[in-house]
Amino acid sequence: MQITVDDAVKELIMKEGQDYRVCTACSGPALVPITMKMPKESDIKIPIGNNTLYVSIVQASYIDRVSIDMVYDPDRFFTCSALEAFR
């Protein structure tokens, strides 16, 4: 399973200097900092500079690319009923 990461996503992660995760949200795959959704042991780990992009094993079965349009609006993230525990 090969997942490519767009340059804009790599730039975001390196600029922010923190790890990110692609997880499942109500609207589909969401790219969020791990401070919003912690990684799981089953995640696929992709090194990005000094940081890591974690991809949920669930999402990894559906996506082959991580793009900047997956960046999730924090206000929408917390309104998703699937993520109520993080409110």
C-alpha atoms as a PDB file:
ATOM      1  CA  MET A   1       0.000   0.000   0.000  1.00  0.00           C
ATOM      2  CA  GLN A   2       1.609   3.213  -1.216  1.00  0.00           C
ATOM      3  CA  ILE A   3       0.319   6.556   0.060  1.00  0.00           C
ATOM      4  CA  THR A   4       1.730   9.717  -1.477  1.00  0.00           C
ATOM      5  CA  VAL A   5       1.790  13.011   0.386  1.00  0.00           C
ATOM      6  CA  ASP A   6       1.336  16.263  -1.523  1.00  0.00           C
ATOM      7  CA  ASP A   7       4.080  18.863  -1.165  1.00  0.00           C
ATOM      8  CA  ALA A   8       1.615  21.333   0.394  1.00  0.00           C
ATOM      9  CA  VAL A   9       0.905  18.841   3.198  1.00  0.00           C
ATOM     10  CA  LYS A  10       4.619  18.255   3.762  1.00  0.00           C
ATOM     11  CA  GLU A  11       5.185  22.019   3.917  1.00  0.00           C
ATOM     12  CA  LEU A  12       2.338  22.427   6.443  1.00  0.00           C
ATOM     13  CA  ILE A  13       3.694  19.700   8.720  1.00  0.00           C
ATOM     14  CA  MET A  14       7.254  21.031   8.606  1.00  0.00           C
ATOM     15  CA  LYS A  15       6.115  24.657   9.067  1.00  0.00           C
ATOM     16  CA  GLU A  16       3.955  23.749  12.067  1.00  0.00           C
ATOM     17  CA  GLY A  17       6.689  21.499  13.476  1.00  0.00           C
ATOM     18  CA  GLN A  18       4.243  18.928  14.802  1.00  0.00           C
ATOM     19  CA  ASP A  19       2.922  15.495  13.919  1.00  0.00           C
ATOM     20  CA  TYR A  20      -0.354  15.124  12.043  1.00  0.00           C
ATOM     21  CA  ARG A  21      -2.812  12.292  11.567  1.00  0.00           C
ATOM     22  CA  VAL A  22      -5.278  11.344   8.864  1.00  0.00           C
ATOM     23  CA  CYS A  23      -8.303  10.047  10.747  1.00  0.00           C
ATOM     24  CA  THR A  24     -11.960   9.425  10.053  1.00  0.00           C
ATOM     25  CA  ALA A  25     -14.396  12.300  10.527  1.00  0.00           C
ATOM     26  CA  CYS A  26     -18.023  12.721   9.550  1.00  0.00           C
ATOM     27  CA  SER A  27     -17.106  14.165   6.157  1.00  0.00           C
ATOM     28  CA  GLY A  28     -14.444  11.538   5.383  1.00  0.00           C
ATOM     29  CA  PRO A  29     -10.667  11.610   5.855  1.00  0.00           C
ATOM     30  CA  ALA A  30      -9.447  14.494   8.010  1.00  0.00           C
ATOM     31  CA  LEU A  31      -5.902  15.777   8.420  1.00  0.00           C
ATOM     32  CA  VAL A  32      -5.501  17.025  11.984  1.00  0.00           C
ATOM     33  CA  PRO A  33      -2.665  17.666  14.445  1.00  0.00           C
ATOM     34  CA  ILE A  34      -2.184  14.776  16.858  1.00  0.00           C
ATOM     35  CA  THR A  35      -3.158  17.171  19.643  1.00  0.00           C
ATOM     36  CA  MET A  36      -6.697  16.823  18.265  1.00  0.00           C
ATOM     37  CA  LYS A  37      -6.624  13.079  17.568  1.00  0.00           C
ATOM     38  CA  MET A  38      -3.845  10.907  18.961  1.00  0.00           C
ATOM     39  CA  PRO A  39      -2.228   8.258  16.753  1.00  0.00           C
ATOM     40  CA  LYS A  40      -2.904   4.559  17.243  1.00  0.00           C
ATOM     41  CA  GLU A  41      -0.393   1.721  17.152  1.00  0.00           C
ATOM     42  CA  SER A  42      -2.072   0.413  13.995  1.00  0.00           C
ATOM     43  CA  ASP A  43      -1.498   3.667  12.073  1.00  0.00           C
ATOM     44  CA  ILE A  44       0.813   3.808   9.090  1.00  0.00           C
ATOM     45  CA  LYS A  45       3.722   6.137   9.871  1.00  0.00           C
ATOM     46  CA  ILE A  46       5.137   8.394   7.164  1.00  0.00           C
ATOM     47  CA  PRO A  47       8.219  10.474   8.068  1.00  0.00           C
ATOM     48  CA  ILE A  48       7.944  14.139   7.066  1.00  0.00           C
ATOM     49  CA  GLY A  49      11.133  16.020   7.930  1.00  0.00           C
ATOM     50  CA  ASN A  50      11.539  15.763  11.717  1.00  0.00           C
ATOM     51  CA  ASN A  51       7.856  14.909  12.148  1.00  0.00           C
ATOM     52  CA  THR A  52       5.514  12.036  11.402  1.00  0.00           C
ATOM     53  CA  LEU A  53       2.294  11.824   9.450  1.00  0.00           C
ATOM     54  CA  TYR A  54       0.117   9.052  10.877  1.00  0.00           C
ATOM     55  CA  VAL A  55      -2.531   7.537   8.639  1.00  0.00           C
ATOM     56  CA  SER A  56      -5.380   5.602  10.201  1.00  0.00           C
ATOM     57  CA  ILE A  57      -5.373   2.007   8.994  1.00  0.00           C
ATOM     58  CA  VAL A  58      -9.068   2.475   8.191  1.00  0.00           C
ATOM     59  CA  GLN A  59      -8.386   5.493   5.977  1.00  0.00           C
ATOM     60  CA  ALA A  60      -5.318   3.823   4.450  1.00  0.00           C
ATOM     61  CA  SER A  61      -7.585   1.232   2.881  1.00  0.00           C
ATOM     62  CA  TYR A  62      -9.505   4.002   1.051  1.00  0.00           C
ATOM     63  CA  ILE A  63      -6.902   6.628   0.138  1.00  0.00           C
ATOM     64  CA  ASP A  64      -3.705   6.588  -1.867  1.00  0.00           C
ATOM     65  CA  ARG A  65      -2.889  10.271  -1.440  1.00  0.00           C
ATOM     66  CA  VAL A  66      -2.896  12.846   1.370  1.00  0.00           C
ATOM     67  CA  SER A  67      -3.827  16.271   0.020  1.00  0.00           C
ATOM     68  CA  ILE A  68      -4.120  19.713   1.567  1.00  0.00           C
ATOM     69  CA  ASP A  69      -7.908  19.691   1.134  1.00  0.00           C
ATOM     70  CA  MET A  70      -8.019  17.076   3.920  1.00  0.00           C
ATOM     71  CA  VAL A  71      -7.004  19.705   6.494  1.00  0.00           C
ATOM     72  CA  TYR A  72      -9.933  19.804   8.859  1.00  0.00           C
ATOM     73  CA  ASP A  73     -11.482  22.971  10.273  1.00  0.00           C
ATOM     74  CA  PRO A  74     -11.270  22.657  14.084  1.00  0.00           C
ATOM     75  CA  ASP A  75     -14.768  24.106  14.487  1.00  0.00           C
ATOM     76  CA  ARG A  76     -16.206  21.412  12.209  1.00  0.00           C
ATOM     77  CA  PHE A  77     -14.052  18.694  13.792  1.00  0.00           C
ATOM     78  CA  PHE A  78     -15.679  19.121  17.179  1.00  0.00           C
ATOM     79  CA  THR A  79     -19.209  19.160  15.746  1.00  0.00           C
ATOM     80  CA  CYS A  80     -18.764  15.671  14.292  1.00  0.00           C
ATOM     81  CA  SER A  81     -20.714  13.191  16.415  1.00  0.00           C
ATOM     82  CA  ALA A  82     -18.093  10.512  15.743  1.00  0.00           C
ATOM     83  CA  LEU A  83     -15.591  12.637  17.656  1.00  0.00           C
ATOM     84  CA  GLU A  84     -17.703  13.721  20.658  1.00  0.00           C
ATOM     85  CA  ALA A  85     -15.125  12.411  23.130  1.00  0.00           C
ATOM     86  CA  PHE A  86     -12.696  15.135  22.016  1.00  0.00           C
ATOM     87  CA  ARG A  87     -14.968  18.091  22.768  1.00  0.00           C
END
